[in-house]
Amino acid sequence: MPFIDARFSTPVNEKQEEVIKRRLGEAIALIGKSEAYLMVQIQDNCKLYFKGNKDEDSAFFEVKLLGKSTKANYEKLTCALCEIASQELSIPTNRVYVKFEEVEYWGFDSFMF
């Protein structure tokens, strides 16, 4: 039951959005989750201030998942998310933040996992 909220300071066209969505679906396996239940939100043109300014492009990924994974897996996913931002939108990896949230309760289709 993962959810990835991807926010970018840059515009994202439809082709880029499709590639990013596909790559996020592949990357989620790094923490032992499946794209089958992955929900993704992609927001572009966000006003992201980093180090007190918005002079350079930035990205913020928030990953929520049912249960837990390991620090090593989170590190692998962080690397993959930084690569996606860099390769698809030319956002420097040192301007990317990733937040993980482990959720104990998650509802879906009128029931709780």
Protein backbone atom coordinates (compact mmCIF):
# COMPACT_ATOMS: atom_id res chain seq x y z
CA MET A 1 0.00 0.00 0.00
CA PRO A 2 2.59 2.59 -0.90
CA PHE A 3 1.83 6.18 -1.87
CA ILE A 4 4.42 8.43 -3.50
CA ASP A 5 3.84 12.17 -3.59
CA ALA A 6 6.34 13.64 -6.05
CA ARG A 7 6.67 17.43 -6.09
CA PHE A 8 8.82 19.28 -8.58
CA SER A 9 9.60 22.96 -8.99
CA THR A 10 9.80 22.46 -12.75
CA PRO A 11 7.02 21.91 -15.29
CA VAL A 12 6.37 18.26 -16.17
CA ASN A 13 4.93 17.48 -19.59
CA GLU A 14 2.72 14.45 -20.27
CA LYS A 15 5.57 12.34 -21.68
CA GLN A 16 7.78 13.09 -18.67
CA GLU A 17 4.88 12.37 -16.32
CA GLU A 18 4.32 8.95 -17.88
CA VAL A 19 8.03 8.08 -17.65
CA ILE A 20 8.25 9.28 -14.03
CA LYS A 21 5.13 7.30 -13.09
CA ARG A 22 6.56 4.17 -14.74
CA ARG A 23 9.94 4.58 -13.06
CA LEU A 24 8.33 5.12 -9.65
CA GLY A 25 6.41 1.89 -10.19
CA GLU A 26 9.68 0.07 -10.84
CA ALA A 27 11.54 1.75 -7.97
CA ILE A 28 8.98 0.86 -5.29
CA ALA A 29 10.17 -2.76 -5.52
CA LEU A 30 13.41 -1.62 -3.86
CA ILE A 31 11.56 -1.49 -0.53
CA GLY A 32 9.71 -4.75 -1.08
CA LYS A 33 6.46 -3.23 -2.32
CA SER A 34 4.54 -3.77 -5.54
CA GLU A 35 3.26 -1.36 -8.16
CA ALA A 36 -0.03 -3.31 -8.03
CA TYR A 37 -1.12 -1.18 -5.03
CA LEU A 38 1.02 1.91 -5.63
CA MET A 39 -0.69 5.28 -5.82
CA VAL A 40 1.32 8.18 -7.25
CA GLN A 41 0.69 11.91 -7.20
CA ILE A 42 2.85 14.12 -9.41
CA GLN A 43 2.79 17.86 -8.80
CA ASP A 44 4.77 20.24 -10.98
CA ASN A 45 5.52 23.95 -10.81
CA CYS A 46 5.67 23.79 -7.00
CA LYS A 47 7.21 26.70 -5.14
CA LEU A 48 9.98 24.79 -3.38
CA TYR A 49 12.45 26.88 -1.42
CA PHE A 50 15.70 25.14 -0.53
CA LYS A 51 18.50 26.81 1.42
CA GLY A 52 16.34 29.92 1.57
CA ASN A 53 15.86 30.31 -2.17
CA LYS A 54 14.17 28.91 -5.23
CA ASP A 55 16.92 29.91 -7.67
CA GLU A 56 17.58 26.28 -8.66
CA ASP A 57 15.13 23.50 -9.39
CA SER A 58 14.23 21.19 -6.51
CA ALA A 59 12.17 18.09 -5.81
CA PHE A 60 10.48 16.57 -2.78
CA PHE A 61 9.30 12.96 -2.59
CA GLU A 62 7.10 11.72 0.22
CA VAL A 63 6.79 7.94 0.44
CA LYS A 64 4.15 6.44 2.70
CA LEU A 65 3.86 2.70 3.14
CA LEU A 66 1.96 0.16 5.14
CA GLY A 67 4.41 -1.51 7.50
CA LYS A 68 8.16 -1.16 7.52
CA SER A 69 11.24 -1.64 5.41
CA THR A 70 14.95 -1.34 6.22
CA LYS A 71 17.26 1.64 6.24
CA ALA A 72 19.28 -0.02 3.47
CA ASN A 73 16.17 -0.36 1.30
CA TYR A 74 15.18 3.25 2.00
CA GLU A 75 18.67 4.31 0.95
CA LYS A 76 18.30 2.40 -2.35
CA LEU A 77 14.93 4.01 -3.01
CA THR A 78 16.30 7.45 -2.13
CA CYS A 79 19.05 6.95 -4.70
CA ALA A 80 16.51 5.84 -7.32
CA LEU A 81 14.24 8.84 -6.66
CA CYS A 82 17.18 11.23 -6.92
CA GLU A 83 18.13 9.60 -10.24
CA ILE A 84 14.59 9.98 -11.56
CA ALA A 85 14.52 13.71 -10.71
CA SER A 86 17.96 14.21 -12.21
CA GLN A 87 17.55 12.15 -15.37
CA GLU A 88 13.98 13.11 -16.24
CA LEU A 89 13.86 16.76 -15.12
CA SER A 90 17.54 17.79 -14.75
CA ILE A 91 17.08 18.51 -11.05
CA PRO A 92 20.40 18.27 -9.19
CA THR A 93 20.41 15.37 -6.73
CA ASN A 94 21.64 17.70 -3.97
CA ARG A 95 18.32 19.57 -4.32
CA VAL A 96 16.13 16.52 -3.67
CA TYR A 97 14.59 15.57 -0.34
CA VAL A 98 12.91 12.24 0.37
CA LYS A 99 10.67 11.60 3.37
CA PHE A 100 9.53 8.13 4.44
CA GLU A 101 6.53 7.43 6.62
CA GLU A 102 5.69 3.99 7.93
CA VAL A 103 1.94 3.67 8.47
CA GLU A 104 0.43 1.13 10.86
CA TYR A 105 -3.15 1.36 9.60
CA TRP A 106 -4.20 1.61 5.97
CA GLY A 107 -7.70 1.42 4.57
CA PHE A 108 -8.58 0.20 1.09
CA ASP A 109 -11.80 -0.81 -0.64
CA SER A 110 -13.91 -0.42 2.53
CA PHE A 111 -11.65 -2.47 4.81
CA MET A 112 -8.46 -2.16 6.85
CA PHE A 113 -5.20 -3.93 6.25
